[in-house]
Amino acid sequence: MGNLGMMEILLIGIALLIFFGPSRLPELGKSLGKGIQEFKKASRELTDAVKEDVTTDKDKEKDKEQDKK
């Protein structure tokens, strides 16, 4: 995330309050949390699919080697 100090975080918070107002901040935080959760879920599913494909490919190679013998 970089080197965000306390002053930078405070300035970002003040800017958010000015742009969106205090009533919309919880809604924005909830939406951001859901977006991050969906991103993590999708990346986990993609990683699992790739691992499964690699495992399947290795099994096929082993089967071919055994067939040659």
PDB file of N, CA and C in Angstrom:
ATOM      1  N   MET A   1       0.828  -1.185   0.000  1.00  0.00           N
ATOM      2  CA  MET A   1       0.000   0.000   0.000  1.00  0.00           C
ATOM      3  C   MET A   1       0.867   1.241   0.000  1.00  0.00           C
ATOM      4  N   GLY A   2       2.103   1.077   0.318  1.00  0.00           N
ATOM      5  CA  GLY A   2       2.981   2.233   0.304  1.00  0.00           C
ATOM      6  C   GLY A   2       3.228   2.741   1.703  1.00  0.00           C
ATOM      7  N   ASN A   3       3.838   3.870   1.778  1.00  0.00           N
ATOM      8  CA  ASN A   3       4.149   4.463   3.067  1.00  0.00           C
ATOM      9  C   ASN A   3       3.153   5.568   3.382  1.00  0.00           C
ATOM     10  N   LEU A   4       1.973   5.188   3.848  1.00  0.00           N
ATOM     11  CA  LEU A   4       0.982   6.174   4.255  1.00  0.00           C
ATOM     12  C   LEU A   4       1.158   6.449   5.738  1.00  0.00           C
ATOM     13  N   GLY A   5       1.439   7.684   6.040  1.00  0.00           N
ATOM     14  CA  GLY A   5       1.568   8.073   7.430  1.00  0.00           C
ATOM     15  C   GLY A   5       0.231   8.497   8.002  1.00  0.00           C
ATOM     16  N   MET A   6       0.238   8.873   9.257  1.00  0.00           N
ATOM     17  CA  MET A   6      -0.990   9.284   9.923  1.00  0.00           C
ATOM     18  C   MET A   6      -1.567  10.541   9.279  1.00  0.00           C
ATOM     19  N   MET A   7      -0.721  11.455   8.864  1.00  0.00           N
ATOM     20  CA  MET A   7      -1.193  12.704   8.257  1.00  0.00           C
ATOM     21  C   MET A   7      -1.889  12.434   6.923  1.00  0.00           C
ATOM     22  N   GLU A   8      -1.337  11.542   6.113  1.00  0.00           N
ATOM     23  CA  GLU A   8      -1.948  11.234   4.819  1.00  0.00           C
ATOM     24  C   GLU A   8      -3.298  10.555   4.999  1.00  0.00           C
ATOM     25  N   ILE A   9      -3.376   9.635   5.955  1.00  0.00           N
ATOM     26  CA  ILE A   9      -4.638   8.947   6.222  1.00  0.00           C
ATOM     27  C   ILE A   9      -5.691   9.949   6.714  1.00  0.00           C
ATOM     28  N   LEU A  10      -5.284  10.869   7.557  1.00  0.00           N
ATOM     29  CA  LEU A  10      -6.191  11.903   8.054  1.00  0.00           C
ATOM     30  C   LEU A  10      -6.702  12.783   6.910  1.00  0.00           C
ATOM     31  N   LEU A  11      -5.818  13.169   6.008  1.00  0.00           N
ATOM     32  CA  LEU A  11      -6.230  13.991   4.869  1.00  0.00           C
ATOM     33  C   LEU A  11      -7.198  13.245   3.951  1.00  0.00           C
ATOM     34  N   ILE A  12      -6.950  11.967   3.736  1.00  0.00           N
ATOM     35  CA  ILE A  12      -7.860  11.158   2.916  1.00  0.00           C
ATOM     36  C   ILE A  12      -9.222  11.077   3.589  1.00  0.00           C
ATOM     37  N   GLY A  13      -9.241  10.870   4.895  1.00  0.00           N
ATOM     38  CA  GLY A  13     -10.504  10.816   5.632  1.00  0.00           C
ATOM     39  C   GLY A  13     -11.284  12.108   5.557  1.00  0.00           C
ATOM     40  N   ILE A  14     -10.593  13.232   5.694  1.00  0.00           N
ATOM     41  CA  ILE A  14     -11.255  14.533   5.599  1.00  0.00           C
ATOM     42  C   ILE A  14     -11.808  14.746   4.191  1.00  0.00           C
ATOM     43  N   ALA A  15     -11.031  14.368   3.176  1.00  0.00           N
ATOM     44  CA  ALA A  15     -11.508  14.510   1.792  1.00  0.00           C
ATOM     45  C   ALA A  15     -12.756  13.659   1.561  1.00  0.00           C
ATOM     46  N   LEU A  16     -12.773  12.447   2.100  1.00  0.00           N
ATOM     47  CA  LEU A  16     -13.952  11.591   1.956  1.00  0.00           C
ATOM     48  C   LEU A  16     -15.170  12.200   2.644  1.00  0.00           C
ATOM     49  N   LEU A  17     -14.959  12.766   3.825  1.00  0.00           N
ATOM     50  CA  LEU A  17     -16.067  13.415   4.518  1.00  0.00           C
ATOM     51  C   LEU A  17     -16.615  14.594   3.724  1.00  0.00           C
ATOM     52  N   ILE A  18     -15.724  15.365   3.117  1.00  0.00           N
ATOM     53  CA  ILE A  18     -16.160  16.524   2.338  1.00  0.00           C
ATOM     54  C   ILE A  18     -16.919  16.086   1.089  1.00  0.00           C
ATOM     55  N   PHE A  19     -16.395  15.090   0.378  1.00  0.00           N
ATOM     56  CA  PHE A  19     -17.015  14.672  -0.880  1.00  0.00           C
ATOM     57  C   PHE A  19     -18.314  13.896  -0.684  1.00  0.00           C
ATOM     58  N   PHE A  20     -18.354  13.001   0.286  1.00  0.00           N
ATOM     59  CA  PHE A  20     -19.496  12.102   0.416  1.00  0.00           C
ATOM     60  C   PHE A  20     -20.388  12.389   1.616  1.00  0.00           C
ATOM     61  N   GLY A  21     -19.874  13.052   2.621  1.00  0.00           N
ATOM     62  CA  GLY A  21     -20.673  13.324   3.807  1.00  0.00           C
ATOM     63  C   GLY A  21     -20.668  12.153   4.759  1.00  0.00           C
ATOM     64  N   PRO A  22     -20.965  12.424   6.022  1.00  0.00           N
ATOM     65  CA  PRO A  22     -20.892  11.380   7.039  1.00  0.00           C
ATOM     66  C   PRO A  22     -21.950  10.280   6.889  1.00  0.00           C
ATOM     67  N   SER A  23     -23.062  10.575   6.247  1.00  0.00           N
ATOM     68  CA  SER A  23     -24.112   9.563   6.121  1.00  0.00           C
ATOM     69  C   SER A  23     -23.785   8.509   5.070  1.00  0.00           C
ATOM     70  N   ARG A  24     -22.967   8.844   4.089  1.00  0.00           N
ATOM     71  CA  ARG A  24     -22.646   7.899   3.015  1.00  0.00           C
ATOM     72  C   ARG A  24     -21.396   7.073   3.282  1.00  0.00           C
ATOM     73  N   LEU A  25     -20.568   7.467   4.236  1.00  0.00           N
ATOM     74  CA  LEU A  25     -19.318   6.753   4.494  1.00  0.00           C
ATOM     75  C   LEU A  25     -19.527   5.291   4.900  1.00  0.00           C
ATOM     76  N   PRO A  26     -20.459   4.960   5.790  1.00  0.00           N
ATOM     77  CA  PRO A  26     -20.657   3.534   6.113  1.00  0.00           C
ATOM     78  C   PRO A  26     -21.069   2.712   4.888  1.00  0.00           C
ATOM     79  N   GLU A  27     -21.906   3.293   4.051  1.00  0.00           N
ATOM     80  CA  GLU A  27     -22.338   2.602   2.831  1.00  0.00           C
ATOM     81  C   GLU A  27     -21.151   2.364   1.893  1.00  0.00           C
ATOM     82  N   LEU A  28     -20.294   3.351   1.755  1.00  0.00           N
ATOM     83  CA  LEU A  28     -19.111   3.207   0.902  1.00  0.00           C
ATOM     84  C   LEU A  28     -18.153   2.165   1.468  1.00  0.00           C
ATOM     85  N   GLY A  29     -17.982   2.163   2.781  1.00  0.00           N
ATOM     86  CA  GLY A  29     -17.111   1.172   3.417  1.00  0.00           C
ATOM     87  C   GLY A  29     -17.634  -0.246   3.226  1.00  0.00           C
ATOM     88  N   LYS A  30     -18.941  -0.406   3.349  1.00  0.00           N
ATOM     89  CA  LYS A  30     -19.550  -1.717   3.161  1.00  0.00           C
ATOM     90  C   LYS A  30     -19.365  -2.192   1.723  1.00  0.00           C
ATOM     91  N   SER A  31     -19.579  -1.299   0.769  1.00  0.00           N
ATOM     92  CA  SER A  31     -19.399  -1.652  -0.644  1.00  0.00           C
ATOM     93  C   SER A  31     -17.951  -2.011  -0.948  1.00  0.00           C
ATOM     94  N   LEU A  32     -17.028  -1.261  -0.391  1.00  0.00           N
ATOM     95  CA  LEU A  32     -15.606  -1.545  -0.591  1.00  0.00           C
ATOM     96  C   LEU A  32     -15.245  -2.899   0.006  1.00  0.00           C
ATOM     97  N   GLY A  33     -15.762  -3.200   1.182  1.00  0.00           N
ATOM     98  CA  GLY A  33     -15.501  -4.489   1.816  1.00  0.00           C
ATOM     99  C   GLY A  33     -16.033  -5.652   0.992  1.00  0.00           C
ATOM    100  N   LYS A  34     -17.239  -5.498   0.446  1.00  0.00           N
ATOM    101  CA  LYS A  34     -17.815  -6.548  -0.392  1.00  0.00           C
ATOM    102  C   LYS A  34     -16.999  -6.731  -1.670  1.00  0.00           C
ATOM    103  N   GLY A  35     -16.535  -5.634  -2.243  1.00  0.00           N
ATOM    104  CA  GLY A  35     -15.715  -5.721  -3.454  1.00  0.00           C
ATOM    105  C   GLY A  35     -14.405  -6.447  -3.207  1.00  0.00           C
ATOM    106  N   ILE A  36     -13.766  -6.151  -2.104  1.00  0.00           N
ATOM    107  CA  ILE A  36     -12.509  -6.814  -1.757  1.00  0.00           C
ATOM    108  C   ILE A  36     -12.758  -8.301  -1.504  1.00  0.00           C
ATOM    109  N   GLN A  37     -13.865  -8.614  -0.822  1.00  0.00           N
ATOM    110  CA  GLN A  37     -14.202 -10.009  -0.548  1.00  0.00           C
ATOM    111  C   GLN A  37     -14.440 -10.783  -1.849  1.00  0.00           C
ATOM    112  N   GLU A  38     -15.156 -10.191  -2.789  1.00  0.00           N
ATOM    113  CA  GLU A  38     -15.408 -10.845  -4.081  1.00  0.00           C
ATOM    114  C   GLU A  38     -14.107 -11.046  -4.864  1.00  0.00           C
ATOM    115  N   PHE A  39     -13.225 -10.051  -4.808  1.00  0.00           N
ATOM    116  CA  PHE A  39     -11.936 -10.162  -5.500  1.00  0.00           C
ATOM    117  C   PHE A  39     -11.113 -11.311  -4.923  1.00  0.00           C
ATOM    118  N   LYS A  40     -11.067 -11.410  -3.605  1.00  0.00           N
ATOM    119  CA  LYS A  40     -10.317 -12.498  -2.963  1.00  0.00           C
ATOM    120  C   LYS A  40     -10.906 -13.851  -3.327  1.00  0.00           C
ATOM    121  N   LYS A  41     -12.237 -13.939  -3.353  1.00  0.00           N
ATOM    122  CA  LYS A  41     -12.900 -15.195  -3.699  1.00  0.00           C
ATOM    123  C   LYS A  41     -12.575 -15.602  -5.133  1.00  0.00           C
ATOM    124  N   ALA A  42     -12.628 -14.636  -6.047  1.00  0.00           N
ATOM    125  CA  ALA A  42     -12.335 -14.934  -7.452  1.00  0.00           C
ATOM    126  C   ALA A  42     -10.879 -15.344  -7.636  1.00  0.00           C
ATOM    127  N   SER A  43      -9.966 -14.671  -6.953  1.00  0.00           N
ATOM    128  CA  SER A  43      -8.553 -15.019  -7.096  1.00  0.00           C
ATOM    129  C   SER A  43      -8.271 -16.393  -6.495  1.00  0.00           C
ATOM    130  N   ARG A  44      -8.950 -16.733  -5.397  1.00  0.00           N
ATOM    131  CA  ARG A  44      -8.794 -18.051  -4.789  1.00  0.00           C
ATOM    132  C   ARG A  44      -9.301 -19.140  -5.734  1.00  0.00           C
ATOM    133  N   GLU A  45     -10.457 -18.898  -6.361  1.00  0.00           N
ATOM    134  CA  GLU A  45     -11.010 -19.873  -7.306  1.00  0.00           C
ATOM    135  C   GLU A  45     -10.091 -20.060  -8.503  1.00  0.00           C
ATOM    136  N   LEU A  46      -9.528 -18.980  -8.994  1.00  0.00           N
ATOM    137  CA  LEU A  46      -8.611 -19.056 -10.131  1.00  0.00           C
ATOM    138  C   LEU A  46      -7.356 -19.835  -9.755  1.00  0.00           C
ATOM    139  N   THR A  47      -6.823 -19.571  -8.584  1.00  0.00           N
ATOM    140  CA  THR A  47      -5.630 -20.283  -8.115  1.00  0.00           C
ATOM    141  C   THR A  47      -5.916 -21.775  -7.981  1.00  0.00           C
ATOM    142  N   ASP A  48      -7.075 -22.106  -7.423  1.00  0.00           N
ATOM    143  CA  ASP A  48      -7.439 -23.515  -7.278  1.00  0.00           C
ATOM    144  C   ASP A  48      -7.586 -24.193  -8.634  1.00  0.00           C
ATOM    145  N   ALA A  49      -8.181 -23.499  -9.604  1.00  0.00           N
ATOM    146  CA  ALA A  49      -8.362 -24.073 -10.939  1.00  0.00           C
ATOM    147  C   ALA A  49      -7.019 -24.326 -11.615  1.00  0.00           C
ATOM    148  N   VAL A  50      -6.095 -23.397 -11.474  1.00  0.00           N
ATOM    149  CA  VAL A  50      -4.768 -23.561 -12.073  1.00  0.00           C
ATOM    150  C   VAL A  50      -4.037 -24.725 -11.414  1.00  0.00           C
ATOM    151  N   LYS A  51      -4.102 -24.810 -10.099  1.00  0.00           N
ATOM    152  CA  LYS A  51      -3.454 -25.919  -9.395  1.00  0.00           C
ATOM    153  C   LYS A  51      -4.039 -27.255  -9.834  1.00  0.00           C
ATOM    154  N   GLU A  52      -5.342 -27.304 -10.013  1.00  0.00           N
ATOM    155  CA  GLU A  52      -5.999 -28.529 -10.451  1.00  0.00           C
ATOM    156  C   GLU A  52      -5.548 -28.915 -11.859  1.00  0.00           C
ATOM    157  N   ASP A  53      -5.435 -27.930 -12.745  1.00  0.00           N
ATOM    158  CA  ASP A  53      -4.975 -28.200 -14.109  1.00  0.00           C
ATOM    159  C   ASP A  53      -3.542 -28.712 -14.119  1.00  0.00           C
ATOM    160  N   VAL A  54      -2.694 -28.118 -13.298  1.00  0.00           N
ATOM    161  CA  VAL A  54      -1.296 -28.547 -13.231  1.00  0.00           C
ATOM    162  C   VAL A  54      -1.219 -29.972 -12.710  1.00  0.00           C
ATOM    163  N   THR A  55      -1.995 -30.281 -11.690  1.00  0.00           N
ATOM    164  CA  THR A  55      -2.006 -31.624 -11.127  1.00  0.00           C
ATOM    165  C   THR A  55      -2.502 -32.629 -12.164  1.00  0.00           C
ATOM    166  N   THR A  56      -3.545 -32.266 -12.898  1.00  0.00           N
ATOM    167  CA  THR A  56      -4.094 -33.148 -13.925  1.00  0.00           C
ATOM    168  C   THR A  56      -3.066 -33.392 -15.024  1.00  0.00           C
ATOM    169  N   ASP A  57      -2.361 -32.346 -15.434  1.00  0.00           N
ATOM    170  CA  ASP A  57      -1.334 -32.488 -16.468  1.00  0.00           C
ATOM    171  C   ASP A  57      -0.203 -33.409 -16.001  1.00  0.00           C
ATOM    172  N   LYS A  58       0.204 -33.268 -14.755  1.00  0.00           N
ATOM    173  CA  LYS A  58       1.269 -34.124 -14.226  1.00  0.00           C
ATOM    174  C   LYS A  58       0.819 -35.575 -14.194  1.00  0.00           C
ATOM    175  N   ASP A  59      -0.441 -35.806 -13.821  1.00  0.00           N
ATOM    176  CA  ASP A  59      -0.962 -37.171 -13.796  1.00  0.00           C
ATOM    177  C   ASP A  59      -0.986 -37.770 -15.202  1.00  0.00           C
ATOM    178  N   LYS A  60      -1.350 -36.972 -16.190  1.00  0.00           N
ATOM    179  CA  LYS A  60      -1.371 -37.457 -17.573  1.00  0.00           C
ATOM    180  C   LYS A  60       0.027 -37.815 -18.049  1.00  0.00           C
ATOM    181  N   GLU A  61       1.019 -37.004 -17.674  1.00  0.00           N
ATOM    182  CA  GLU A  61       2.399 -37.284 -18.065  1.00  0.00           C
ATOM    183  C   GLU A  61       2.880 -38.587 -17.418  1.00  0.00           C
ATOM    184  N   LYS A  62       2.526 -38.815 -16.165  1.00  0.00           N
ATOM    185  CA  LYS A  62       2.918 -40.051 -15.482  1.00  0.00           C
ATOM    186  C   LYS A  62       2.282 -41.254 -16.163  1.00  0.00           C
ATOM    187  N   ASP A  63       1.014 -41.119 -16.552  1.00  0.00           N
ATOM    188  CA  ASP A  63       0.324 -42.212 -17.237  1.00  0.00           C
ATOM    189  C   ASP A  63       0.997 -42.532 -18.572  1.00  0.00           C
ATOM    190  N   LYS A  64       1.408 -41.494 -19.305  1.00  0.00           N
ATOM    191  CA  LYS A  64       2.084 -41.708 -20.596  1.00  0.00           C
ATOM    192  C   LYS A  64       3.410 -42.425 -20.396  1.00  0.00           C
ATOM    193  N   GLU A  65       4.141 -42.038 -19.345  1.00  0.00           N
ATOM    194  CA  GLU A  65       5.435 -42.676 -19.068  1.00  0.00           C
ATOM    195  C   GLU A  65       5.241 -44.145 -18.713  1.00  0.00           C
ATOM    196  N   GLN A  66       4.207 -44.446 -17.951  1.00  0.00           N
ATOM    197  CA  GLN A  66       3.948 -45.838 -17.562  1.00  0.00           C
ATOM    198  C   GLN A  66       3.504 -46.667 -18.770  1.00  0.00           C
ATOM    199  N   ASP A  67       2.766 -46.055 -19.694  1.00  0.00           N
ATOM    200  CA  ASP A  67       2.330 -46.754 -20.887  1.00  0.00           C
ATOM    201  C   ASP A  67       3.522 -47.115 -21.794  1.00  0.00           C
ATOM    202  N   LYS A  68       4.536 -46.260 -21.807  1.00  0.00           N
ATOM    203  CA  LYS A  68       5.720 -46.496 -22.633  1.00  0.00           C
ATOM    204  C   LYS A  68       6.519 -47.673 -22.094  1.00  0.00           C
ATOM    205  N   LYS A  69       6.477 -47.910 -20.810  1.00  0.00           N
ATOM    206  CA  LYS A  69       7.273 -48.980 -20.187  1.00  0.00           C
ATOM    207  C   LYS A  69       6.601 -50.259 -20.372  1.00  0.00           C
TER     208      LYS A  69
END
